Amino acid sequence: MKESMTEELTYDDFLKIDVRVGTIKEAKDFPEARNPAFQLFIDFGKDIGMRKTSAQITKHYTKESLIGKQVAAVINFPKKQIGPFMSECLTLGFPDENGDVVLIQPERKIPNGGRLY
């Protein structure tokens, strides 16, 4: 699948997107979601705290395998109501060859709340 190019951004545009690293502390089934998903509870450190989100990542991950994983997420999007659940961040990933999400993770452990630059 070939993605079309999007509008070119400036560096100032990039700085508006707050991507942080956090550690998944809890993962729950989300049976009310339209597509199979988990509810994730992610610790972004003392300055940001815990945020929750839903993620359609059930093809490559189990709830148990997610606990303790560090992931990248956008933390400054507006909250979004997803069924009965309020999502507070957007966990980032790339599609594999089948379009299933593979999470973005740092190559080594870093402090929660670290900002992408």
N, C-alpha and C. Protein backbone atom coordinates (compact mmCIF):
# COMPACT_ATOMS: atom_id res chain seq x y z
N MET A 1 0.85 -1.17 0.00
CA MET A 1 0.00 0.00 0.00
C MET A 1 0.89 1.23 0.00
N LYS A 2 0.72 2.10 -0.97
CA LYS A 2 1.52 3.31 -1.06
C LYS A 2 0.74 4.46 -0.44
N GLU A 3 1.39 5.12 0.51
CA GLU A 3 0.77 6.26 1.18
C GLU A 3 1.07 7.52 0.37
N SER A 4 0.12 8.44 0.30
CA SER A 4 0.37 9.69 -0.39
C SER A 4 1.12 10.63 0.55
N MET A 5 1.92 11.48 -0.02
CA MET A 5 2.66 12.47 0.77
C MET A 5 1.68 13.49 1.33
N THR A 6 1.97 13.96 2.53
CA THR A 6 1.13 14.98 3.13
C THR A 6 1.81 16.33 3.00
N GLU A 7 1.12 17.33 3.44
CA GLU A 7 1.63 18.70 3.38
C GLU A 7 2.96 18.83 4.12
N GLU A 8 3.87 19.56 3.54
CA GLU A 8 5.17 19.79 4.17
C GLU A 8 5.00 20.66 5.41
N LEU A 9 5.72 20.31 6.48
CA LEU A 9 5.63 21.04 7.74
C LEU A 9 6.90 21.83 7.99
N THR A 10 6.79 22.81 8.86
CA THR A 10 7.97 23.53 9.33
C THR A 10 8.44 22.88 10.62
N TYR A 11 9.63 23.23 11.06
CA TYR A 11 10.13 22.72 12.32
C TYR A 11 9.22 23.18 13.47
N ASP A 12 8.71 24.40 13.38
CA ASP A 12 7.78 24.89 14.41
C ASP A 12 6.51 24.04 14.46
N ASP A 13 6.04 23.56 13.31
CA ASP A 13 4.89 22.66 13.29
C ASP A 13 5.23 21.37 14.05
N PHE A 14 6.41 20.82 13.80
CA PHE A 14 6.84 19.60 14.48
C PHE A 14 6.86 19.80 15.99
N LEU A 15 7.34 20.94 16.44
CA LEU A 15 7.44 21.21 17.88
C LEU A 15 6.07 21.25 18.56
N LYS A 16 5.01 21.47 17.80
CA LYS A 16 3.67 21.49 18.38
C LYS A 16 3.19 20.09 18.78
N ILE A 17 3.78 19.06 18.18
CA ILE A 17 3.37 17.68 18.47
C ILE A 17 4.23 17.17 19.62
N ASP A 18 3.60 16.89 20.74
CA ASP A 18 4.31 16.48 21.95
C ASP A 18 4.30 14.95 22.04
N VAL A 19 5.38 14.32 21.57
CA VAL A 19 5.51 12.86 21.61
C VAL A 19 6.41 12.51 22.79
N ARG A 20 5.87 11.70 23.70
CA ARG A 20 6.60 11.30 24.91
C ARG A 20 6.66 9.79 25.02
N VAL A 21 7.60 9.34 25.84
CA VAL A 21 7.71 7.92 26.13
C VAL A 21 7.06 7.65 27.48
N GLY A 22 6.37 6.52 27.56
CA GLY A 22 5.75 6.10 28.81
C GLY A 22 5.77 4.59 28.92
N THR A 23 5.53 4.11 30.14
CA THR A 23 5.52 2.68 30.41
C THR A 23 4.10 2.21 30.64
N ILE A 24 3.69 1.17 29.92
CA ILE A 24 2.36 0.61 30.10
C ILE A 24 2.30 -0.09 31.45
N LYS A 25 1.39 0.36 32.30
CA LYS A 25 1.24 -0.20 33.64
C LYS A 25 0.08 -1.19 33.72
N GLU A 26 -0.93 -1.00 32.85
CA GLU A 26 -2.11 -1.87 32.87
C GLU A 26 -2.69 -1.94 31.46
N ALA A 27 -3.21 -3.10 31.11
CA ALA A 27 -3.88 -3.30 29.84
C ALA A 27 -5.14 -4.12 30.10
N LYS A 28 -6.27 -3.65 29.56
CA LYS A 28 -7.55 -4.32 29.76
C LYS A 28 -8.20 -4.59 28.41
N ASP A 29 -9.03 -5.61 28.35
CA ASP A 29 -9.85 -5.83 27.17
C ASP A 29 -10.79 -4.65 26.99
N PHE A 30 -11.15 -4.37 25.74
CA PHE A 30 -12.08 -3.28 25.43
C PHE A 30 -13.18 -3.85 24.53
N PRO A 31 -14.10 -4.64 25.11
CA PRO A 31 -15.11 -5.32 24.29
C PRO A 31 -16.08 -4.37 23.59
N GLU A 32 -16.22 -3.14 24.08
CA GLU A 32 -17.16 -2.19 23.45
C GLU A 32 -16.58 -1.54 22.19
N ALA A 33 -15.29 -1.70 21.93
CA ALA A 33 -14.67 -1.10 20.75
C ALA A 33 -15.20 -1.74 19.48
N ARG A 34 -15.29 -0.97 18.40
CA ARG A 34 -15.77 -1.50 17.12
C ARG A 34 -14.83 -2.56 16.57
N ASN A 35 -13.52 -2.33 16.70
CA ASN A 35 -12.51 -3.29 16.27
C ASN A 35 -11.77 -3.78 17.51
N PRO A 36 -11.24 -5.00 17.49
CA PRO A 36 -10.54 -5.52 18.68
C PRO A 36 -9.47 -4.53 19.18
N ALA A 37 -9.53 -4.24 20.47
CA ALA A 37 -8.62 -3.25 21.05
C ALA A 37 -8.41 -3.53 22.53
N PHE A 38 -7.36 -2.90 23.05
CA PHE A 38 -7.10 -2.91 24.48
C PHE A 38 -7.21 -1.48 25.00
N GLN A 39 -7.56 -1.36 26.27
CA GLN A 39 -7.43 -0.10 27.00
C GLN A 39 -6.07 -0.13 27.66
N LEU A 40 -5.27 0.89 27.42
CA LEU A 40 -3.93 0.96 28.00
C LEU A 40 -3.86 2.10 29.01
N PHE A 41 -3.15 1.87 30.08
CA PHE A 41 -2.91 2.87 31.11
C PHE A 41 -1.40 3.06 31.18
N ILE A 42 -0.94 4.25 30.78
CA ILE A 42 0.48 4.49 30.53
C ILE A 42 1.01 5.55 31.50
N ASP A 43 2.13 5.26 32.13
CA ASP A 43 2.79 6.18 33.06
C ASP A 43 3.81 7.01 32.29
N PHE A 44 3.58 8.34 32.25
CA PHE A 44 4.48 9.26 31.57
C PHE A 44 5.34 10.04 32.56
N GLY A 45 5.50 9.53 33.76
CA GLY A 45 6.38 10.17 34.73
C GLY A 45 5.66 11.16 35.61
N LYS A 46 6.43 11.69 36.60
CA LYS A 46 5.81 12.53 37.63
C LYS A 46 5.24 13.84 37.10
N ASP A 47 5.82 14.42 36.05
CA ASP A 47 5.32 15.71 35.55
C ASP A 47 4.03 15.58 34.75
N ILE A 48 3.85 14.46 34.06
CA ILE A 48 2.67 14.26 33.21
C ILE A 48 1.68 13.32 33.86
N GLY A 49 2.18 12.26 34.48
CA GLY A 49 1.33 11.30 35.18
C GLY A 49 0.80 10.21 34.27
N MET A 50 -0.27 9.56 34.72
CA MET A 50 -0.88 8.46 33.99
C MET A 50 -1.85 9.00 32.94
N ARG A 51 -1.84 8.38 31.78
CA ARG A 51 -2.81 8.67 30.72
C ARG A 51 -3.37 7.35 30.24
N LYS A 52 -4.60 7.40 29.75
CA LYS A 52 -5.22 6.18 29.22
C LYS A 52 -5.55 6.37 27.75
N THR A 53 -5.57 5.26 27.05
CA THR A 53 -5.87 5.27 25.63
C THR A 53 -6.39 3.90 25.22
N SER A 54 -6.98 3.83 24.05
CA SER A 54 -7.32 2.53 23.49
C SER A 54 -6.43 2.32 22.27
N ALA A 55 -6.08 1.07 22.03
CA ALA A 55 -5.19 0.77 20.92
C ALA A 55 -5.60 -0.54 20.26
N GLN A 56 -5.68 -0.52 18.93
CA GLN A 56 -6.03 -1.71 18.16
C GLN A 56 -4.76 -2.49 17.86
N ILE A 57 -4.25 -3.16 18.89
CA ILE A 57 -2.96 -3.84 18.79
C ILE A 57 -3.06 -5.31 19.18
N THR A 58 -4.23 -5.88 19.05
CA THR A 58 -4.47 -7.25 19.54
C THR A 58 -3.84 -8.33 18.65
N LYS A 59 -3.41 -8.00 17.45
CA LYS A 59 -2.81 -9.01 16.56
C LYS A 59 -1.42 -9.42 17.03
N HIS A 60 -0.64 -8.46 17.51
CA HIS A 60 0.75 -8.75 17.87
C HIS A 60 1.01 -8.77 19.38
N TYR A 61 0.04 -8.37 20.19
CA TYR A 61 0.28 -8.23 21.62
C TYR A 61 -0.85 -8.86 22.44
N THR A 62 -0.48 -9.35 23.60
CA THR A 62 -1.46 -9.78 24.59
C THR A 62 -1.44 -8.74 25.71
N LYS A 63 -2.47 -8.74 26.53
CA LYS A 63 -2.49 -7.81 27.67
C LYS A 63 -1.25 -8.01 28.52
N GLU A 64 -0.91 -9.27 28.76
CA GLU A 64 0.22 -9.59 29.63
C GLU A 64 1.55 -9.12 29.05
N SER A 65 1.70 -9.26 27.72
CA SER A 65 2.97 -8.88 27.10
C SER A 65 3.18 -7.37 27.05
N LEU A 66 2.09 -6.61 27.21
CA LEU A 66 2.19 -5.15 27.15
C LEU A 66 2.69 -4.53 28.45
N ILE A 67 2.45 -5.19 29.57
CA ILE A 67 2.82 -4.63 30.87
C ILE A 67 4.34 -4.44 30.93
N GLY A 68 4.76 -3.22 31.26
CA GLY A 68 6.17 -2.89 31.37
C GLY A 68 6.81 -2.40 30.09
N LYS A 69 6.11 -2.48 28.95
CA LYS A 69 6.67 -1.99 27.68
C LYS A 69 6.67 -0.47 27.67
N GLN A 70 7.76 0.09 27.18
CA GLN A 70 7.79 1.53 26.94
C GLN A 70 7.31 1.78 25.52
N VAL A 71 6.48 2.80 25.36
CA VAL A 71 5.90 3.14 24.06
C VAL A 71 5.96 4.64 23.86
N ALA A 72 5.83 5.05 22.60
CA ALA A 72 5.75 6.46 22.24
C ALA A 72 4.29 6.83 22.04
N ALA A 73 3.93 8.05 22.49
CA ALA A 73 2.55 8.50 22.34
C ALA A 73 2.50 10.01 22.21
N VAL A 74 1.52 10.50 21.44
CA VAL A 74 1.24 11.93 21.38
C VAL A 74 0.36 12.25 22.58
N ILE A 75 0.80 13.22 23.39
CA ILE A 75 0.05 13.51 24.62
C ILE A 75 -0.70 14.84 24.57
N ASN A 76 -0.58 15.58 23.47
CA ASN A 76 -1.26 16.89 23.45
C ASN A 76 -2.39 16.99 22.42
N PHE A 77 -2.93 15.86 21.98
CA PHE A 77 -4.18 15.89 21.22
C PHE A 77 -5.33 16.08 22.21
N PRO A 78 -6.46 16.61 21.76
CA PRO A 78 -7.62 16.68 22.67
C PRO A 78 -8.08 15.27 23.05
N LYS A 79 -8.68 15.16 24.22
CA LYS A 79 -9.25 13.87 24.63
C LYS A 79 -10.30 13.45 23.62
N LYS A 80 -10.45 12.12 23.46
CA LYS A 80 -11.40 11.61 22.47
C LYS A 80 -12.25 10.51 23.10
N GLN A 81 -13.56 10.66 22.99
CA GLN A 81 -14.49 9.65 23.50
C GLN A 81 -14.55 8.49 22.51
N ILE A 82 -14.25 7.30 23.01
CA ILE A 82 -14.32 6.09 22.19
C ILE A 82 -15.28 5.15 22.90
N GLY A 83 -16.53 5.14 22.46
CA GLY A 83 -17.56 4.38 23.17
C GLY A 83 -17.65 4.91 24.60
N PRO A 84 -17.60 4.02 25.59
CA PRO A 84 -17.72 4.46 26.98
C PRO A 84 -16.37 4.90 27.58
N PHE A 85 -15.31 4.97 26.76
CA PHE A 85 -13.95 5.19 27.24
C PHE A 85 -13.43 6.52 26.73
N MET A 86 -12.75 7.30 27.59
CA MET A 86 -12.15 8.57 27.19
C MET A 86 -10.65 8.38 26.98
N SER A 87 -10.21 8.51 25.73
CA SER A 87 -8.80 8.37 25.39
C SER A 87 -8.10 9.70 25.63
N GLU A 88 -6.92 9.64 26.28
CA GLU A 88 -6.19 10.86 26.67
C GLU A 88 -4.85 11.02 25.95
N CYS A 89 -4.50 10.08 25.09
CA CYS A 89 -3.27 10.18 24.32
C CYS A 89 -3.39 9.24 23.11
N LEU A 90 -2.43 9.32 22.21
CA LEU A 90 -2.45 8.47 21.01
C LEU A 90 -1.14 7.67 20.97
N THR A 91 -1.23 6.38 21.22
CA THR A 91 -0.06 5.50 21.16
C THR A 91 0.33 5.32 19.70
N LEU A 92 1.62 5.37 19.41
CA LEU A 92 2.10 5.36 18.04
C LEU A 92 2.63 4.00 17.61
N GLY A 93 2.41 3.68 16.35
CA GLY A 93 2.90 2.44 15.78
C GLY A 93 2.94 2.53 14.27
N PHE A 94 3.51 1.51 13.67
CA PHE A 94 3.58 1.40 12.22
C PHE A 94 2.82 0.16 11.78
N PRO A 95 2.24 0.17 10.57
CA PRO A 95 1.56 -1.03 10.08
C PRO A 95 2.57 -2.05 9.56
N ASP A 96 2.31 -3.31 9.87
CA ASP A 96 3.13 -4.37 9.27
C ASP A 96 2.60 -4.66 7.86
N GLU A 97 3.08 -5.75 7.26
CA GLU A 97 2.68 -6.05 5.88
C GLU A 97 1.20 -6.35 5.74
N ASN A 98 0.51 -6.66 6.85
CA ASN A 98 -0.93 -6.91 6.82
C ASN A 98 -1.76 -5.73 7.32
N GLY A 99 -1.10 -4.65 7.68
CA GLY A 99 -1.80 -3.48 8.18
C GLY A 99 -2.04 -3.51 9.69
N ASP A 100 -1.48 -4.51 10.38
CA ASP A 100 -1.63 -4.60 11.84
C ASP A 100 -0.55 -3.76 12.52
N VAL A 101 -0.91 -3.14 13.63
CA VAL A 101 -0.03 -2.18 14.29
C VAL A 101 1.11 -2.85 15.06
N VAL A 102 2.31 -2.31 14.82
CA VAL A 102 3.50 -2.66 15.60
C VAL A 102 3.89 -1.39 16.34
N LEU A 103 3.93 -1.46 17.66
CA LEU A 103 4.20 -0.29 18.49
C LEU A 103 5.61 0.26 18.29
N ILE A 104 5.74 1.58 18.42
CA ILE A 104 7.05 2.23 18.43
C ILE A 104 7.58 2.17 19.86
N GLN A 105 8.80 1.67 20.01
CA GLN A 105 9.41 1.54 21.32
C GLN A 105 10.86 2.02 21.26
N PRO A 106 11.35 2.63 22.34
CA PRO A 106 12.77 3.00 22.35
C PRO A 106 13.63 1.75 22.40
N GLU A 107 14.84 1.83 21.88
CA GLU A 107 15.72 0.66 21.85
C GLU A 107 16.27 0.30 23.22
N ARG A 108 16.24 1.24 24.17
CA ARG A 108 16.66 0.95 25.54
C ARG A 108 15.79 1.74 26.49
N LYS A 109 15.78 1.34 27.74
CA LYS A 109 14.92 1.98 28.74
C LYS A 109 15.37 3.42 28.95
N ILE A 110 14.41 4.33 28.93
CA ILE A 110 14.67 5.75 29.20
C ILE A 110 13.64 6.24 30.20
N PRO A 111 13.90 7.37 30.85
CA PRO A 111 12.95 7.87 31.85
C PRO A 111 11.58 8.18 31.22
N ASN A 112 10.52 7.77 31.92
CA ASN A 112 9.17 8.08 31.46
C ASN A 112 9.01 9.60 31.34
N GLY A 113 8.32 10.01 30.28
CA GLY A 113 8.08 11.43 30.05
C GLY A 113 9.08 12.06 29.10
N GLY A 114 10.13 11.31 28.71
CA GLY A 114 11.11 11.86 27.77
C GLY A 114 10.43 12.26 26.47
N ARG A 115 10.82 13.43 25.95
CA ARG A 115 10.20 13.96 24.73
C ARG A 115 11.01 13.61 23.49
N LEU A 116 10.29 13.27 22.42
CA LEU A 116 10.91 13.00 21.14
C LEU A 116 11.42 14.29 20.54
N TYR A 117 12.64 14.22 20.04
CA TYR A 117 13.20 15.36 19.28
C TYR A 117 14.19 14.86 18.26
